Amino acid sequence: MGGALLEAAVAWATEQRYLKVVLSAFPHNTRAVAFYERHRFTFEGRRARQFHRGDRYIDEVLMARPIGAWAAESGGAGVGGGPAAEPGGEPAAETGGQLSEPGGEPAAGA
């Protein structure tokens, strides 16, 4: 059901003549990142320490999928025409594989 809803949003954006659909996820949410990758979204960037939750800062992974004319130009290969620049939400890429404390130190037990 989630895949059908996501594809309906992509179809709507294509009809509206948008060039890409963008979204974000927490890098430790590997199931979500893998789901988006199955729907041809690729890694586009990372916002370090974007969210504060409890006593931790959490990165945000930015993903995109080219659609319409841009997808045709890139052969549908993904943002920038190549493979994902980073594996699907691997926590190891997130501040050394650990969440950070407010001072930038790794969280206890992380």
N, C-alpha and C. Protein backbone atom coordinates (compact mmCIF):
# COMPACT_ATOMS: atom_id res chain seq x y z
N MET A 1 0.81 -1.18 0.00
CA MET A 1 0.00 0.00 0.00
C MET A 1 0.87 1.26 0.00
N GLY A 2 1.95 1.26 0.81
CA GLY A 2 2.83 2.42 0.85
C GLY A 2 3.47 2.70 -0.50
N GLY A 3 3.85 1.62 -1.20
CA GLY A 3 4.45 1.77 -2.52
C GLY A 3 3.47 2.38 -3.51
N ALA A 4 2.22 1.96 -3.46
CA ALA A 4 1.21 2.50 -4.37
C ALA A 4 0.97 3.98 -4.09
N LEU A 5 0.96 4.35 -2.82
CA LEU A 5 0.78 5.75 -2.46
C LEU A 5 1.96 6.60 -2.93
N LEU A 6 3.18 6.09 -2.73
CA LEU A 6 4.36 6.82 -3.18
C LEU A 6 4.36 6.97 -4.70
N GLU A 7 4.04 5.90 -5.42
CA GLU A 7 3.99 5.98 -6.88
C GLU A 7 2.89 6.91 -7.37
N ALA A 8 1.77 6.98 -6.66
CA ALA A 8 0.70 7.93 -7.01
C ALA A 8 1.20 9.36 -6.85
N ALA A 9 1.98 9.63 -5.79
CA ALA A 9 2.54 10.97 -5.60
C ALA A 9 3.53 11.30 -6.71
N VAL A 10 4.34 10.34 -7.11
CA VAL A 10 5.29 10.55 -8.21
C VAL A 10 4.54 10.80 -9.52
N ALA A 11 3.47 10.04 -9.77
CA ALA A 11 2.68 10.23 -10.98
C ALA A 11 2.05 11.63 -11.00
N TRP A 12 1.54 12.08 -9.85
CA TRP A 12 0.95 13.42 -9.77
C TRP A 12 2.02 14.47 -10.06
N ALA A 13 3.20 14.33 -9.46
CA ALA A 13 4.28 15.30 -9.67
C ALA A 13 4.70 15.32 -11.14
N THR A 14 4.71 14.16 -11.78
CA THR A 14 5.04 14.09 -13.20
C THR A 14 4.00 14.83 -14.03
N GLU A 15 2.72 14.62 -13.73
CA GLU A 15 1.64 15.32 -14.44
C GLU A 15 1.74 16.83 -14.27
N GLN A 16 2.24 17.27 -13.12
CA GLN A 16 2.38 18.71 -12.84
C GLN A 16 3.67 19.28 -13.45
N ARG A 17 4.43 18.43 -14.11
CA ARG A 17 5.67 18.80 -14.80
C ARG A 17 6.81 19.16 -13.86
N TYR A 18 6.83 18.57 -12.68
CA TYR A 18 7.98 18.71 -11.79
C TYR A 18 9.13 17.90 -12.36
N LEU A 19 10.35 18.24 -12.00
CA LEU A 19 11.52 17.52 -12.50
C LEU A 19 12.06 16.47 -11.54
N LYS A 20 11.73 16.60 -10.25
CA LYS A 20 12.15 15.59 -9.31
C LYS A 20 11.27 15.61 -8.08
N VAL A 21 11.26 14.47 -7.39
CA VAL A 21 10.56 14.34 -6.12
C VAL A 21 11.64 14.15 -5.07
N VAL A 22 11.54 14.90 -3.98
CA VAL A 22 12.54 14.80 -2.92
C VAL A 22 11.89 14.37 -1.61
N LEU A 23 12.68 13.74 -0.76
CA LEU A 23 12.21 13.33 0.56
C LEU A 23 13.42 13.18 1.46
N SER A 24 13.14 12.95 2.72
CA SER A 24 14.24 12.72 3.66
C SER A 24 13.86 11.63 4.65
N ALA A 25 14.89 11.07 5.28
CA ALA A 25 14.69 10.01 6.27
C ALA A 25 15.83 10.07 7.27
N PHE A 26 15.62 9.44 8.41
CA PHE A 26 16.71 9.28 9.36
C PHE A 26 17.63 8.19 8.84
N PRO A 27 18.93 8.36 8.89
CA PRO A 27 19.83 7.34 8.34
C PRO A 27 19.75 6.00 9.05
N HIS A 28 19.36 5.98 10.30
CA HIS A 28 19.24 4.71 11.01
C HIS A 28 17.95 3.97 10.67
N ASN A 29 17.04 4.61 9.94
CA ASN A 29 15.80 3.95 9.52
C ASN A 29 16.06 3.23 8.20
N THR A 30 16.81 2.15 8.27
CA THR A 30 17.25 1.45 7.07
C THR A 30 16.09 0.85 6.27
N ARG A 31 15.02 0.48 6.94
CA ARG A 31 13.86 -0.04 6.21
C ARG A 31 13.25 1.03 5.31
N ALA A 32 13.14 2.25 5.81
CA ALA A 32 12.58 3.34 5.01
C ALA A 32 13.50 3.67 3.84
N VAL A 33 14.80 3.77 4.12
CA VAL A 33 15.75 4.10 3.05
C VAL A 33 15.72 3.02 1.98
N ALA A 34 15.68 1.75 2.37
CA ALA A 34 15.62 0.66 1.40
C ALA A 34 14.32 0.72 0.59
N PHE A 35 13.22 1.05 1.24
CA PHE A 35 11.93 1.21 0.55
C PHE A 35 12.04 2.29 -0.52
N TYR A 36 12.61 3.44 -0.16
CA TYR A 36 12.75 4.52 -1.14
C TYR A 36 13.69 4.13 -2.27
N GLU A 37 14.75 3.41 -1.96
CA GLU A 37 15.67 2.96 -3.01
C GLU A 37 14.97 2.00 -3.97
N ARG A 38 14.10 1.15 -3.44
CA ARG A 38 13.33 0.24 -4.33
C ARG A 38 12.44 1.03 -5.28
N HIS A 39 12.09 2.23 -4.88
CA HIS A 39 11.25 3.09 -5.73
C HIS A 39 12.08 4.13 -6.47
N ARG A 40 13.35 3.80 -6.70
CA ARG A 40 14.28 4.55 -7.54
C ARG A 40 14.68 5.91 -6.98
N PHE A 41 14.61 6.10 -5.68
CA PHE A 41 15.16 7.30 -5.05
C PHE A 41 16.62 7.02 -4.75
N THR A 42 17.46 8.03 -4.90
CA THR A 42 18.88 7.88 -4.64
C THR A 42 19.34 8.94 -3.64
N PHE A 43 20.45 8.63 -2.99
CA PHE A 43 21.06 9.53 -2.02
C PHE A 43 21.45 10.84 -2.70
N GLU A 44 21.07 11.95 -2.10
CA GLU A 44 21.42 13.25 -2.65
C GLU A 44 22.23 14.10 -1.68
N GLY A 45 22.11 13.82 -0.40
CA GLY A 45 22.88 14.61 0.56
C GLY A 45 22.55 14.21 1.98
N ARG A 46 23.21 14.87 2.89
CA ARG A 46 23.02 14.60 4.31
C ARG A 46 23.12 15.92 5.06
N ARG A 47 22.20 16.12 5.96
CA ARG A 47 22.26 17.27 6.86
C ARG A 47 22.72 16.74 8.22
N ALA A 48 23.94 17.09 8.58
CA ALA A 48 24.51 16.60 9.83
C ALA A 48 23.82 17.26 11.01
N ARG A 49 23.51 16.43 12.01
CA ARG A 49 22.94 16.91 13.27
C ARG A 49 21.73 17.82 13.04
N GLN A 50 20.86 17.43 12.15
CA GLN A 50 19.70 18.24 11.77
C GLN A 50 18.60 18.24 12.83
N PHE A 51 18.44 17.12 13.54
CA PHE A 51 17.36 17.01 14.51
C PHE A 51 17.91 16.74 15.89
N HIS A 52 17.22 17.25 16.88
CA HIS A 52 17.60 17.00 18.27
C HIS A 52 16.48 16.20 18.90
N ARG A 53 16.81 15.03 19.41
CA ARG A 53 15.81 14.15 20.00
C ARG A 53 16.37 13.66 21.34
N GLY A 54 15.72 14.04 22.41
CA GLY A 54 16.22 13.68 23.73
C GLY A 54 17.56 14.35 23.97
N ASP A 55 18.59 13.55 24.21
CA ASP A 55 19.92 14.11 24.41
C ASP A 55 20.83 13.84 23.22
N ARG A 56 20.25 13.55 22.04
CA ARG A 56 21.04 13.21 20.87
C ARG A 56 20.69 14.12 19.68
N TYR A 57 21.68 14.29 18.83
CA TYR A 57 21.48 14.93 17.55
C TYR A 57 21.47 13.84 16.49
N ILE A 58 20.60 13.98 15.51
CA ILE A 58 20.43 12.95 14.49
C ILE A 58 20.57 13.59 13.11
N ASP A 59 21.33 12.92 12.23
CA ASP A 59 21.47 13.38 10.85
C ASP A 59 20.16 13.15 10.09
N GLU A 60 20.06 13.80 8.95
CA GLU A 60 18.94 13.61 8.03
C GLU A 60 19.51 13.24 6.66
N VAL A 61 19.03 12.16 6.06
CA VAL A 61 19.44 11.75 4.73
C VAL A 61 18.45 12.34 3.73
N LEU A 62 18.99 12.99 2.69
CA LEU A 62 18.16 13.57 1.63
C LEU A 62 18.22 12.66 0.41
N MET A 63 17.05 12.35 -0.14
CA MET A 63 16.96 11.47 -1.30
C MET A 63 16.08 12.13 -2.35
N ALA A 64 16.30 11.76 -3.61
CA ALA A 64 15.51 12.34 -4.70
C ALA A 64 15.35 11.32 -5.82
N ARG A 65 14.32 11.56 -6.62
CA ARG A 65 14.06 10.73 -7.80
C ARG A 65 13.74 11.66 -8.96
N PRO A 66 14.56 11.63 -10.02
CA PRO A 66 14.25 12.46 -11.19
C PRO A 66 13.00 11.93 -11.89
N ILE A 67 12.19 12.85 -12.38
CA ILE A 67 10.98 12.48 -13.11
C ILE A 67 10.86 13.38 -14.33
N GLY A 68 9.92 13.09 -15.19
CA GLY A 68 9.67 13.92 -16.35
C GLY A 68 10.90 14.05 -17.24
N ALA A 69 11.15 15.28 -17.70
CA ALA A 69 12.24 15.54 -18.65
C ALA A 69 13.60 15.19 -18.05
N TRP A 70 13.78 15.45 -16.78
CA TRP A 70 15.08 15.17 -16.15
C TRP A 70 15.34 13.66 -16.14
N ALA A 71 14.34 12.87 -15.85
CA ALA A 71 14.50 11.42 -15.85
C ALA A 71 14.85 10.92 -17.25
N ALA A 72 14.22 11.52 -18.27
CA ALA A 72 14.49 11.12 -19.65
C ALA A 72 15.94 11.45 -20.02
N GLU A 73 16.43 12.62 -19.58
CA GLU A 73 17.81 13.02 -19.87
C GLU A 73 18.82 12.11 -19.21
N SER A 74 18.53 11.68 -17.99
CA SER A 74 19.48 10.85 -17.24
C SER A 74 19.26 9.37 -17.48
N GLY A 75 18.32 9.04 -18.35
CA GLY A 75 18.02 7.64 -18.59
C GLY A 75 17.36 6.97 -17.41
N GLY A 76 16.79 7.80 -16.50
CA GLY A 76 16.14 7.28 -15.31
C GLY A 76 17.11 6.72 -14.30
N ALA A 77 18.41 7.04 -14.46
CA ALA A 77 19.44 6.43 -13.62
C ALA A 77 19.45 6.94 -12.20
N GLY A 78 18.92 8.08 -11.94
CA GLY A 78 18.97 8.63 -10.59
C GLY A 78 19.53 10.02 -10.62
N VAL A 79 19.56 10.64 -9.49
CA VAL A 79 20.04 12.01 -9.39
C VAL A 79 21.49 12.05 -9.84
N GLY A 80 21.79 12.94 -10.77
CA GLY A 80 23.15 13.03 -11.27
C GLY A 80 23.48 11.95 -12.28
N GLY A 81 22.53 11.08 -12.58
CA GLY A 81 22.73 10.07 -13.60
C GLY A 81 23.55 8.87 -13.16
N GLY A 82 23.88 8.77 -11.88
CA GLY A 82 24.72 7.67 -11.43
C GLY A 82 24.07 6.92 -10.29
N PRO A 83 24.79 5.97 -9.73
CA PRO A 83 24.25 5.21 -8.60
C PRO A 83 24.21 6.05 -7.34
N ALA A 84 23.57 5.55 -6.33
CA ALA A 84 23.50 6.25 -5.06
C ALA A 84 24.91 6.52 -4.57
N ALA A 85 25.14 7.72 -4.06
CA ALA A 85 26.47 8.10 -3.60
C ALA A 85 26.80 7.46 -2.26
N GLU A 86 25.81 6.95 -1.59
CA GLU A 86 26.02 6.37 -0.27
C GLU A 86 25.09 5.17 -0.14
N PRO A 87 25.55 4.10 0.48
CA PRO A 87 24.68 2.94 0.62
C PRO A 87 23.42 3.27 1.39
N GLY A 88 22.39 2.48 1.20
CA GLY A 88 21.08 2.71 1.78
C GLY A 88 21.04 2.90 3.28
N GLY A 89 21.31 4.12 3.71
CA GLY A 89 21.11 4.50 5.10
C GLY A 89 22.01 3.80 6.09
N GLU A 90 23.19 3.37 5.67
CA GLU A 90 24.09 2.70 6.59
C GLU A 90 24.40 3.59 7.77
N PRO A 91 24.11 3.17 8.98
CA PRO A 91 24.40 4.00 10.15
C PRO A 91 25.87 4.36 10.27
N ALA A 92 26.78 3.57 9.69
CA ALA A 92 28.20 3.86 9.81
C ALA A 92 28.55 5.22 9.21
N ALA A 93 27.76 5.71 8.27
CA ALA A 93 28.04 7.00 7.66
C ALA A 93 27.57 8.14 8.53
N GLU A 94 26.81 7.84 9.54
CA GLU A 94 26.23 8.85 10.42
C GLU A 94 27.20 9.15 11.55
N THR A 95 27.88 10.28 11.46
CA THR A 95 28.85 10.71 12.47
C THR A 95 29.62 9.53 13.05
N GLY A 96 30.31 8.80 12.16
CA GLY A 96 31.12 7.69 12.60
C GLY A 96 30.33 6.49 13.09
N GLY A 97 29.09 6.37 12.67
CA GLY A 97 28.28 5.24 13.07
C GLY A 97 27.61 5.43 14.41
N GLN A 98 27.69 6.64 14.95
CA GLN A 98 27.11 6.89 16.26
C GLN A 98 26.31 8.17 16.23
N LEU A 99 25.30 8.23 17.06
CA LEU A 99 24.59 9.48 17.27
C LEU A 99 25.45 10.33 18.17
N SER A 100 25.26 11.65 18.14
CA SER A 100 26.11 12.54 18.90
C SER A 100 25.37 13.21 20.03
N GLU A 101 26.10 13.47 21.09
CA GLU A 101 25.61 14.27 22.20
C GLU A 101 25.63 15.73 21.77
N PRO A 102 24.94 16.63 22.51
CA PRO A 102 24.92 18.04 22.14
C PRO A 102 26.29 18.66 21.93
N GLY A 103 27.32 18.22 22.63
CA GLY A 103 28.65 18.77 22.44
C GLY A 103 29.42 18.15 21.30
N GLY A 104 28.77 17.25 20.54
CA GLY A 104 29.42 16.61 19.43
C GLY A 104 30.09 15.30 19.79
N GLU A 105 30.07 14.92 21.06
CA GLU A 105 30.66 13.68 21.52
C GLU A 105 29.70 12.52 21.23
N PRO A 106 30.24 11.33 20.94
CA PRO A 106 29.34 10.18 20.72
C PRO A 106 28.46 9.95 21.95
N ALA A 107 27.22 9.57 21.69
CA ALA A 107 26.27 9.30 22.77
C ALA A 107 26.73 8.09 23.56
N ALA A 108 26.50 8.12 24.83
CA ALA A 108 26.87 6.99 25.70
C ALA A 108 26.15 5.74 25.24
N GLY A 109 26.89 4.67 25.09
CA GLY A 109 26.31 3.40 24.70
C GLY A 109 26.00 3.30 23.22
N ALA A 110 26.32 4.32 22.44
CA ALA A 110 26.02 4.28 21.02
C ALA A 110 27.12 3.58 20.26
